[in-house]
Amino acid sequence: MRIAVLHFSHETVTFLARDTTLADFTYPGSPAKGAAVLAMQPRDYIGGFVQVAREFPDVELVGIESPGFPVTGTGSGWVTEEAYETFVGAMIAQLTAEGPWDGAYLAVHGAMGARGIPRPEAELARRVRAAIGPKAVIAGTFDPHGNEDDQFLVHADMAFCVKYFPHYD
């Protein structure tokens, strides 16, 4: 079983004047790819998922190129459309090039606001679904105070809210 692991987590504070730009997500170690994605949050969303998935010998996890948290912090201004499209475009290109996939795990926050994209997490799920096909399973993890609605589940099969902080579950 091959599962793609993607990370695009941002907690947007809409009243901040400064947007979160492509440069804010681009620094040594971000974006990450391959094993670096799987190791990027050992005590957070990805870490818990990787720990459990590795208990099953027939599961292959593939880290898809993903941005880390922005240098502005997890709670910062709107994500620019350029930043969103750059990272999601790279993710979809890699998914398309390296398929087929049995599933995809999306480590998101649930409170991203991106300029020009009404529902960034749901839009990510929509694009991932288009890239990996209707039979692959898509699951996402969200922060307890995320603002996601049912649109994510139009394209994904499962959504989970973490219970603990740090988010090791």
N, C-alpha and C. Protein backbone atom coordinates (compact mmCIF):
# COMPACT_ATOMS: atom_id res chain seq x y z
N MET A 1 0.84 -1.17 0.00
CA MET A 1 0.00 0.00 0.00
C MET A 1 0.89 1.24 0.00
N ARG A 2 0.68 2.11 -0.97
CA ARG A 2 1.45 3.36 -1.06
C ARG A 2 0.57 4.54 -0.65
N ILE A 3 1.05 5.27 0.33
CA ILE A 3 0.32 6.42 0.83
C ILE A 3 1.19 7.67 0.69
N ALA A 4 0.66 8.67 0.02
CA ALA A 4 1.32 9.97 -0.10
C ALA A 4 1.05 10.77 1.17
N VAL A 5 2.08 11.42 1.68
CA VAL A 5 1.95 12.24 2.89
C VAL A 5 2.25 13.68 2.51
N LEU A 6 1.26 14.56 2.72
CA LEU A 6 1.37 15.97 2.37
C LEU A 6 1.14 16.83 3.60
N HIS A 7 1.83 17.95 3.67
CA HIS A 7 1.67 18.89 4.77
C HIS A 7 1.48 20.30 4.20
N PHE A 8 0.38 20.93 4.57
CA PHE A 8 0.21 22.36 4.27
C PHE A 8 -0.70 22.89 5.37
N SER A 9 -0.07 23.30 6.45
CA SER A 9 -0.80 23.70 7.65
C SER A 9 -0.55 25.17 7.93
N HIS A 10 -1.62 25.91 8.07
CA HIS A 10 -1.50 27.32 8.40
C HIS A 10 -2.73 27.75 9.18
N GLU A 11 -2.50 28.51 10.22
CA GLU A 11 -3.57 29.09 11.01
C GLU A 11 -3.61 30.57 10.68
N THR A 12 -4.57 30.97 9.88
CA THR A 12 -4.63 32.34 9.39
C THR A 12 -5.34 33.25 10.39
N VAL A 13 -4.71 34.38 10.64
CA VAL A 13 -5.30 35.44 11.46
C VAL A 13 -5.68 36.54 10.47
N THR A 14 -6.95 36.61 10.15
CA THR A 14 -7.39 37.46 9.04
C THR A 14 -7.26 38.95 9.28
N PHE A 15 -7.16 39.38 10.52
CA PHE A 15 -7.07 40.82 10.77
C PHE A 15 -5.63 41.35 10.74
N LEU A 16 -4.65 40.48 10.55
CA LEU A 16 -3.27 40.94 10.44
C LEU A 16 -3.06 41.58 9.07
N ALA A 17 -2.34 42.67 9.04
CA ALA A 17 -2.16 43.43 7.80
C ALA A 17 -1.19 42.76 6.83
N ARG A 18 -0.24 42.01 7.35
CA ARG A 18 0.80 41.42 6.49
C ARG A 18 0.41 40.02 6.07
N ASP A 19 0.38 39.79 4.76
CA ASP A 19 0.10 38.45 4.23
C ASP A 19 1.29 37.52 4.45
N THR A 20 1.02 36.23 4.43
CA THR A 20 2.06 35.21 4.51
C THR A 20 2.42 34.82 3.08
N THR A 21 3.66 35.09 2.71
CA THR A 21 4.09 34.99 1.32
C THR A 21 4.86 33.70 1.03
N LEU A 22 5.13 33.49 -0.23
CA LEU A 22 5.95 32.36 -0.66
C LEU A 22 7.29 32.38 0.07
N ALA A 23 7.90 33.56 0.20
CA ALA A 23 9.19 33.67 0.88
C ALA A 23 9.10 33.26 2.35
N ASP A 24 7.97 33.46 2.99
CA ASP A 24 7.80 33.08 4.39
C ASP A 24 7.81 31.57 4.60
N PHE A 25 7.45 30.82 3.56
CA PHE A 25 7.45 29.37 3.62
C PHE A 25 8.74 28.75 3.07
N THR A 26 9.60 29.58 2.49
CA THR A 26 10.78 29.07 1.79
C THR A 26 12.04 29.44 2.58
N TYR A 27 12.66 28.43 3.16
CA TYR A 27 13.87 28.62 3.97
C TYR A 27 14.56 27.26 4.05
N PRO A 28 15.77 27.17 4.55
CA PRO A 28 16.44 25.87 4.63
C PRO A 28 15.57 24.85 5.37
N GLY A 29 15.24 23.77 4.69
CA GLY A 29 14.38 22.74 5.26
C GLY A 29 12.93 22.85 4.82
N SER A 30 12.57 23.95 4.19
CA SER A 30 11.20 24.12 3.70
C SER A 30 11.23 24.77 2.33
N PRO A 31 10.61 24.16 1.35
CA PRO A 31 9.81 22.95 1.48
C PRO A 31 10.68 21.72 1.69
N ALA A 32 10.05 20.70 2.24
CA ALA A 32 10.72 19.41 2.49
C ALA A 32 10.16 18.39 1.51
N LYS A 33 10.90 17.31 1.30
CA LYS A 33 10.47 16.26 0.38
C LYS A 33 10.97 14.92 0.91
N GLY A 34 10.26 13.85 0.56
CA GLY A 34 10.69 12.50 0.91
C GLY A 34 10.70 12.27 2.41
N ALA A 35 11.78 11.67 2.89
CA ALA A 35 11.90 11.32 4.30
C ALA A 35 11.84 12.55 5.20
N ALA A 36 12.27 13.70 4.69
CA ALA A 36 12.22 14.93 5.49
C ALA A 36 10.78 15.33 5.82
N VAL A 37 9.84 15.07 4.93
CA VAL A 37 8.43 15.34 5.24
C VAL A 37 7.96 14.41 6.35
N LEU A 38 8.32 13.15 6.25
CA LEU A 38 7.87 12.18 7.25
C LEU A 38 8.46 12.46 8.63
N ALA A 39 9.58 13.17 8.68
CA ALA A 39 10.24 13.48 9.95
C ALA A 39 9.99 14.91 10.43
N MET A 40 9.23 15.69 9.66
CA MET A 40 9.15 17.12 9.97
C MET A 40 8.36 17.45 11.24
N GLN A 41 7.51 16.60 11.70
CA GLN A 41 6.72 16.86 12.90
C GLN A 41 6.66 15.61 13.78
N PRO A 42 7.75 15.25 14.42
CA PRO A 42 7.75 13.99 15.17
C PRO A 42 6.72 13.95 16.30
N ARG A 43 6.35 15.09 16.86
CA ARG A 43 5.35 15.12 17.94
C ARG A 43 4.15 15.95 17.52
N ASP A 44 3.73 15.76 16.29
CA ASP A 44 2.62 16.55 15.76
C ASP A 44 1.83 15.67 14.80
N TYR A 45 1.03 16.27 13.91
CA TYR A 45 0.14 15.51 13.03
C TYR A 45 0.87 14.39 12.30
N ILE A 46 1.91 14.74 11.59
CA ILE A 46 2.60 13.75 10.77
C ILE A 46 3.26 12.68 11.63
N GLY A 47 3.86 13.08 12.73
CA GLY A 47 4.55 12.12 13.58
C GLY A 47 3.65 11.00 14.07
N GLY A 48 2.45 11.33 14.50
CA GLY A 48 1.51 10.31 14.95
C GLY A 48 1.09 9.39 13.82
N PHE A 49 0.83 9.98 12.66
CA PHE A 49 0.43 9.17 11.50
C PHE A 49 1.55 8.22 11.08
N VAL A 50 2.77 8.74 11.00
CA VAL A 50 3.91 7.92 10.58
C VAL A 50 4.16 6.80 11.59
N GLN A 51 4.09 7.12 12.87
CA GLN A 51 4.33 6.10 13.90
C GLN A 51 3.37 4.93 13.74
N VAL A 52 2.11 5.19 13.56
CA VAL A 52 1.12 4.12 13.44
C VAL A 52 1.27 3.40 12.10
N ALA A 53 1.45 4.14 11.02
CA ALA A 53 1.58 3.50 9.70
C ALA A 53 2.77 2.56 9.64
N ARG A 54 3.84 2.89 10.35
CA ARG A 54 5.04 2.04 10.33
C ARG A 54 4.86 0.74 11.11
N GLU A 55 3.76 0.60 11.79
CA GLU A 55 3.46 -0.67 12.47
C GLU A 55 3.00 -1.73 11.48
N PHE A 56 2.71 -1.32 10.26
CA PHE A 56 2.23 -2.23 9.22
C PHE A 56 3.29 -2.38 8.15
N PRO A 57 3.89 -3.55 8.00
CA PRO A 57 5.04 -3.73 7.11
C PRO A 57 4.74 -3.52 5.63
N ASP A 58 3.50 -3.64 5.23
CA ASP A 58 3.17 -3.50 3.81
C ASP A 58 2.76 -2.08 3.42
N VAL A 59 2.98 -1.11 4.30
CA VAL A 59 2.63 0.28 4.02
C VAL A 59 3.89 1.05 3.68
N GLU A 60 3.87 1.66 2.51
CA GLU A 60 4.97 2.55 2.09
C GLU A 60 4.47 3.99 2.15
N LEU A 61 5.16 4.81 2.93
CA LEU A 61 4.83 6.23 3.02
C LEU A 61 5.78 7.01 2.13
N VAL A 62 5.24 7.93 1.37
CA VAL A 62 6.04 8.76 0.47
C VAL A 62 5.77 10.22 0.81
N GLY A 63 6.81 10.91 1.26
CA GLY A 63 6.69 12.32 1.59
C GLY A 63 6.63 13.16 0.32
N ILE A 64 5.55 13.85 0.12
CA ILE A 64 5.35 14.72 -1.03
C ILE A 64 5.87 16.11 -0.67
N GLU A 65 6.57 16.75 -1.59
CA GLU A 65 7.15 18.07 -1.32
C GLU A 65 6.10 18.99 -0.70
N SER A 66 6.42 19.47 0.50
CA SER A 66 5.47 20.25 1.29
C SER A 66 6.19 21.36 2.06
N PRO A 67 5.52 22.49 2.23
CA PRO A 67 6.13 23.55 3.03
C PRO A 67 6.03 23.25 4.52
N GLY A 68 7.01 23.72 5.27
CA GLY A 68 6.91 23.69 6.72
C GLY A 68 6.05 24.85 7.17
N PHE A 69 6.02 25.09 8.45
CA PHE A 69 5.30 26.25 8.96
C PHE A 69 6.03 27.51 8.51
N PRO A 70 5.33 28.59 8.26
CA PRO A 70 6.01 29.81 7.81
C PRO A 70 6.87 30.41 8.93
N VAL A 71 7.86 31.19 8.52
CA VAL A 71 8.73 31.84 9.52
C VAL A 71 7.96 32.86 10.35
N THR A 72 6.80 33.26 9.89
CA THR A 72 5.97 34.21 10.62
C THR A 72 5.20 33.55 11.76
N GLY A 73 5.26 32.23 11.85
CA GLY A 73 4.57 31.50 12.91
C GLY A 73 3.34 30.81 12.37
N THR A 74 2.79 29.90 13.18
CA THR A 74 1.62 29.15 12.72
C THR A 74 0.39 30.05 12.62
N GLY A 75 0.34 31.10 13.39
CA GLY A 75 -0.76 32.05 13.30
C GLY A 75 -0.26 33.34 12.68
N SER A 76 -0.54 33.52 11.40
CA SER A 76 -0.09 34.72 10.71
C SER A 76 -1.11 35.10 9.65
N GLY A 77 -0.82 36.18 8.92
CA GLY A 77 -1.78 36.73 7.96
C GLY A 77 -2.13 35.81 6.81
N TRP A 78 -3.08 36.26 6.00
CA TRP A 78 -3.56 35.50 4.84
C TRP A 78 -2.40 34.92 4.04
N VAL A 79 -2.55 33.67 3.58
CA VAL A 79 -1.59 33.05 2.67
C VAL A 79 -1.86 33.65 1.29
N THR A 80 -0.80 34.12 0.63
CA THR A 80 -0.99 34.69 -0.70
C THR A 80 -1.39 33.60 -1.69
N GLU A 81 -2.08 34.01 -2.72
CA GLU A 81 -2.46 33.06 -3.77
C GLU A 81 -1.22 32.47 -4.42
N GLU A 82 -0.17 33.28 -4.58
CA GLU A 82 1.08 32.77 -5.17
C GLU A 82 1.66 31.64 -4.32
N ALA A 83 1.70 31.82 -3.01
CA ALA A 83 2.25 30.78 -2.13
C ALA A 83 1.39 29.52 -2.21
N TYR A 84 0.09 29.68 -2.11
CA TYR A 84 -0.80 28.52 -2.16
C TYR A 84 -0.64 27.76 -3.48
N GLU A 85 -0.72 28.46 -4.57
CA GLU A 85 -0.65 27.82 -5.88
C GLU A 85 0.71 27.19 -6.14
N THR A 86 1.78 27.81 -5.66
CA THR A 86 3.12 27.26 -5.85
C THR A 86 3.25 25.92 -5.15
N PHE A 87 2.87 25.86 -3.89
CA PHE A 87 3.04 24.62 -3.13
C PHE A 87 2.04 23.55 -3.54
N VAL A 88 0.80 23.92 -3.73
CA VAL A 88 -0.19 22.92 -4.14
C VAL A 88 0.14 22.43 -5.55
N GLY A 89 0.59 23.31 -6.42
CA GLY A 89 0.99 22.90 -7.77
C GLY A 89 2.12 21.89 -7.75
N ALA A 90 3.11 22.12 -6.89
CA ALA A 90 4.23 21.17 -6.77
C ALA A 90 3.75 19.83 -6.21
N MET A 91 2.85 19.87 -5.24
CA MET A 91 2.31 18.63 -4.67
C MET A 91 1.58 17.81 -5.73
N ILE A 92 0.72 18.47 -6.47
CA ILE A 92 -0.08 17.77 -7.47
C ILE A 92 0.81 17.23 -8.59
N ALA A 93 1.81 17.98 -8.97
CA ALA A 93 2.74 17.50 -10.01
C ALA A 93 3.46 16.24 -9.55
N GLN A 94 3.90 16.20 -8.30
CA GLN A 94 4.59 15.02 -7.78
C GLN A 94 3.63 13.84 -7.65
N LEU A 95 2.43 14.09 -7.16
CA LEU A 95 1.44 13.00 -7.07
C LEU A 95 1.17 12.39 -8.43
N THR A 96 1.03 13.24 -9.42
CA THR A 96 0.75 12.78 -10.78
C THR A 96 1.92 11.98 -11.35
N ALA A 97 3.12 12.48 -11.12
CA ALA A 97 4.32 11.84 -11.68
C ALA A 97 4.67 10.52 -11.00
N GLU A 98 4.37 10.40 -9.70
CA GLU A 98 4.84 9.25 -8.94
C GLU A 98 3.76 8.23 -8.58
N GLY A 99 2.56 8.39 -9.13
CA GLY A 99 1.48 7.43 -8.85
C GLY A 99 1.78 6.09 -9.45
N PRO A 100 0.95 5.09 -9.22
CA PRO A 100 -0.35 5.19 -8.57
C PRO A 100 -0.25 5.19 -7.04
N TRP A 101 -1.35 5.64 -6.43
CA TRP A 101 -1.44 5.76 -4.98
C TRP A 101 -2.65 4.98 -4.47
N ASP A 102 -2.48 4.41 -3.28
CA ASP A 102 -3.61 3.77 -2.60
C ASP A 102 -4.30 4.76 -1.66
N GLY A 103 -3.57 5.81 -1.31
CA GLY A 103 -4.15 6.80 -0.41
C GLY A 103 -3.27 8.01 -0.28
N ALA A 104 -3.83 9.02 0.36
CA ALA A 104 -3.10 10.25 0.66
C ALA A 104 -3.51 10.73 2.04
N TYR A 105 -2.53 11.15 2.80
CA TYR A 105 -2.76 11.72 4.12
C TYR A 105 -2.42 13.20 4.03
N LEU A 106 -3.39 14.06 4.38
CA LEU A 106 -3.20 15.50 4.32
C LEU A 106 -3.11 16.05 5.74
N ALA A 107 -1.94 16.52 6.12
CA ALA A 107 -1.75 17.14 7.42
C ALA A 107 -2.02 18.63 7.24
N VAL A 108 -3.23 19.03 7.61
CA VAL A 108 -3.65 20.43 7.48
C VAL A 108 -4.15 20.90 8.84
N HIS A 109 -4.39 22.17 8.95
CA HIS A 109 -4.85 22.74 10.21
C HIS A 109 -6.35 22.93 10.26
N GLY A 110 -6.91 23.39 9.15
CA GLY A 110 -8.34 23.63 9.10
C GLY A 110 -8.72 25.09 9.27
N ALA A 111 -7.73 25.96 9.42
CA ALA A 111 -8.02 27.38 9.58
C ALA A 111 -7.15 28.23 8.66
N MET A 112 -6.84 27.69 7.47
CA MET A 112 -6.07 28.45 6.51
C MET A 112 -7.00 29.39 5.74
N GLY A 113 -6.54 30.60 5.58
CA GLY A 113 -7.20 31.56 4.70
C GLY A 113 -6.21 31.90 3.60
N ALA A 114 -6.57 31.66 2.36
CA ALA A 114 -5.68 31.96 1.24
C ALA A 114 -6.38 32.92 0.30
N ARG A 115 -5.70 33.93 -0.10
CA ARG A 115 -6.28 34.93 -1.02
C ARG A 115 -6.74 34.23 -2.30
N GLY A 116 -7.97 34.45 -2.70
CA GLY A 116 -8.49 33.92 -3.94
C GLY A 116 -8.95 32.47 -3.89
N ILE A 117 -8.80 31.81 -2.75
CA ILE A 117 -9.22 30.41 -2.62
C ILE A 117 -10.19 30.33 -1.44
N PRO A 118 -11.50 30.20 -1.68
CA PRO A 118 -12.47 30.27 -0.59
C PRO A 118 -12.29 29.21 0.50
N ARG A 119 -11.95 27.99 0.14
CA ARG A 119 -11.78 26.90 1.11
C ARG A 119 -10.47 26.19 0.80
N PRO A 120 -9.35 26.68 1.31
CA PRO A 120 -8.05 26.13 0.90
C PRO A 120 -7.86 24.64 1.17
N GLU A 121 -8.29 24.16 2.32
CA GLU A 121 -8.11 22.73 2.62
C GLU A 121 -9.01 21.87 1.74
N ALA A 122 -10.24 22.29 1.54
CA ALA A 122 -11.15 21.55 0.65
C ALA A 122 -10.64 21.59 -0.78
N GLU A 123 -10.08 22.70 -1.20
CA GLU A 123 -9.53 22.80 -2.56
C GLU A 123 -8.31 21.89 -2.71
N LEU A 124 -7.49 21.80 -1.66
CA LEU A 124 -6.36 20.87 -1.70
C LEU A 124 -6.88 19.44 -1.86
N ALA A 125 -7.89 19.07 -1.07
CA ALA A 125 -8.46 17.72 -1.18
C ALA A 125 -9.03 17.48 -2.58
N ARG A 126 -9.67 18.48 -3.16
CA ARG A 126 -10.24 18.34 -4.50
C ARG A 126 -9.14 18.06 -5.52
N ARG A 127 -8.06 18.80 -5.44
CA ARG A 127 -6.96 18.62 -6.39
C ARG A 127 -6.23 17.30 -6.18
N VAL A 128 -6.07 16.90 -4.92
CA VAL A 128 -5.45 15.61 -4.64
C VAL A 128 -6.33 14.49 -5.20
N ARG A 129 -7.63 14.58 -4.99
CA ARG A 129 -8.55 13.56 -5.52
C ARG A 129 -8.42 13.47 -7.04
N ALA A 130 -8.37 14.59 -7.72
CA ALA A 130 -8.24 14.58 -9.18
C ALA A 130 -6.93 13.93 -9.61
N ALA A 131 -5.88 14.10 -8.81
CA ALA A 131 -4.56 13.55 -9.16
C ALA A 131 -4.44 12.06 -8.87
N ILE A 132 -5.07 11.58 -7.79
CA ILE A 132 -4.85 10.18 -7.39
C ILE A 132 -6.02 9.26 -7.74
N GLY A 133 -7.13 9.83 -8.15
CA GLY A 133 -8.25 9.02 -8.61
C GLY A 133 -9.29 8.73 -7.55
N PRO A 134 -10.42 8.17 -7.99
CA PRO A 134 -11.56 7.98 -7.10
C PRO A 134 -11.44 6.80 -6.13
N LYS A 135 -10.57 5.85 -6.39
CA LYS A 135 -10.48 4.67 -5.53
C LYS A 135 -9.52 4.84 -4.36
N ALA A 136 -8.57 5.75 -4.47
CA ALA A 136 -7.62 5.97 -3.38
C ALA A 136 -8.34 6.64 -2.21
N VAL A 137 -7.88 6.35 -1.01
CA VAL A 137 -8.47 6.92 0.20
C VAL A 137 -7.72 8.20 0.57
N ILE A 138 -8.47 9.24 0.88
CA ILE A 138 -7.87 10.50 1.33
C ILE A 138 -8.36 10.77 2.74
N ALA A 139 -7.40 11.01 3.65
CA ALA A 139 -7.71 11.35 5.04
C ALA A 139 -6.98 12.62 5.41
N GLY A 140 -7.58 13.41 6.26
CA GLY A 140 -6.95 14.64 6.73
C GLY A 140 -7.07 14.77 8.23
N THR A 141 -6.09 15.47 8.81
CA THR A 141 -6.14 15.76 10.24
C THR A 141 -6.24 17.26 10.43
N PHE A 142 -7.03 17.65 11.45
CA PHE A 142 -7.33 19.05 11.71
C PHE A 142 -7.13 19.39 13.18
N ASP A 143 -6.85 20.65 13.43
CA ASP A 143 -6.75 21.17 14.78
C ASP A 143 -8.17 21.26 15.37
N PRO A 144 -8.31 21.15 16.69
CA PRO A 144 -9.64 21.19 17.29
C PRO A 144 -10.43 22.47 16.98
N HIS A 145 -9.75 23.57 16.74
CA HIS A 145 -10.50 24.80 16.47
C HIS A 145 -10.49 25.18 14.98
N GLY A 146 -10.16 24.22 14.13
CA GLY A 146 -10.20 24.49 12.69
C GLY A 146 -11.60 24.87 12.25
N ASN A 147 -11.68 25.56 11.13
CA ASN A 147 -12.95 26.09 10.64
C ASN A 147 -13.45 25.35 9.41
N GLU A 148 -13.11 24.11 9.29
CA GLU A 148 -13.47 23.35 8.08
C GLU A 148 -14.95 23.01 8.08
N ASP A 149 -15.49 22.88 6.88
CA ASP A 149 -16.89 22.47 6.76
C ASP A 149 -16.97 21.20 5.91
N ASP A 150 -18.17 20.84 5.51
CA ASP A 150 -18.37 19.57 4.79
C ASP A 150 -17.75 19.54 3.40
N GLN A 151 -17.30 20.64 2.88
CA GLN A 151 -16.71 20.65 1.55
C GLN A 151 -15.43 19.82 1.47
N PHE A 152 -14.69 19.71 2.56
CA PHE A 152 -13.51 18.86 2.56
C PHE A 152 -13.91 17.42 2.28
N LEU A 153 -14.98 16.97 2.89
CA LEU A 153 -15.41 15.58 2.75
C LEU A 153 -16.14 15.30 1.44
N VAL A 154 -16.37 16.30 0.63
CA VAL A 154 -16.87 16.06 -0.72
C VAL A 154 -15.78 15.33 -1.52
N HIS A 155 -14.53 15.63 -1.21
CA HIS A 155 -13.40 15.08 -1.96
C HIS A 155 -12.56 14.08 -1.16
N ALA A 156 -12.59 14.17 0.15
CA ALA A 156 -11.82 13.27 1.01
C ALA A 156 -12.76 12.25 1.65
N ASP A 157 -12.19 11.15 2.08
CA ASP A 157 -12.97 10.09 2.69
C ASP A 157 -13.11 10.22 4.20
N MET A 158 -12.10 10.81 4.83
CA MET A 158 -12.08 10.89 6.29
C MET A 158 -11.43 12.18 6.73
N ALA A 159 -11.90 12.70 7.85
CA ALA A 159 -11.30 13.87 8.49
C ALA A 159 -11.29 13.61 9.99
N PHE A 160 -10.16 13.86 10.61
CA PHE A 160 -9.99 13.62 12.03
C PHE A 160 -9.51 14.89 12.71
N CYS A 161 -10.01 15.10 13.90
CA CYS A 161 -9.55 16.20 14.72
C CYS A 161 -8.64 15.63 15.79
N VAL A 162 -7.47 16.23 15.96
CA VAL A 162 -6.56 15.74 16.99
C VAL A 162 -7.12 16.07 18.37
N LYS A 163 -6.69 15.31 19.38
CA LYS A 163 -7.16 15.50 20.75
C LYS A 163 -6.11 16.10 21.65
N TYR A 164 -4.86 15.86 21.33
CA TYR A 164 -3.78 16.19 22.26
C TYR A 164 -2.87 17.27 21.71
N PHE A 165 -2.22 17.98 22.62
CA PHE A 165 -1.15 18.90 22.25
C PHE A 165 0.05 18.56 23.09
N PRO A 166 1.22 18.31 22.53
CA PRO A 166 1.44 18.30 21.09
C PRO A 166 0.58 17.25 20.40
N HIS A 167 0.36 17.46 19.10
CA HIS A 167 -0.57 16.63 18.34
C HIS A 167 0.07 15.31 17.94
N TYR A 168 0.33 14.45 18.88
CA TYR A 168 0.96 13.17 18.57
C TYR A 168 -0.05 12.11 18.16
N ASP A 169 -1.33 12.43 18.19
CA ASP A 169 -2.34 11.44 17.84
C ASP A 169 -2.80 11.66 16.42
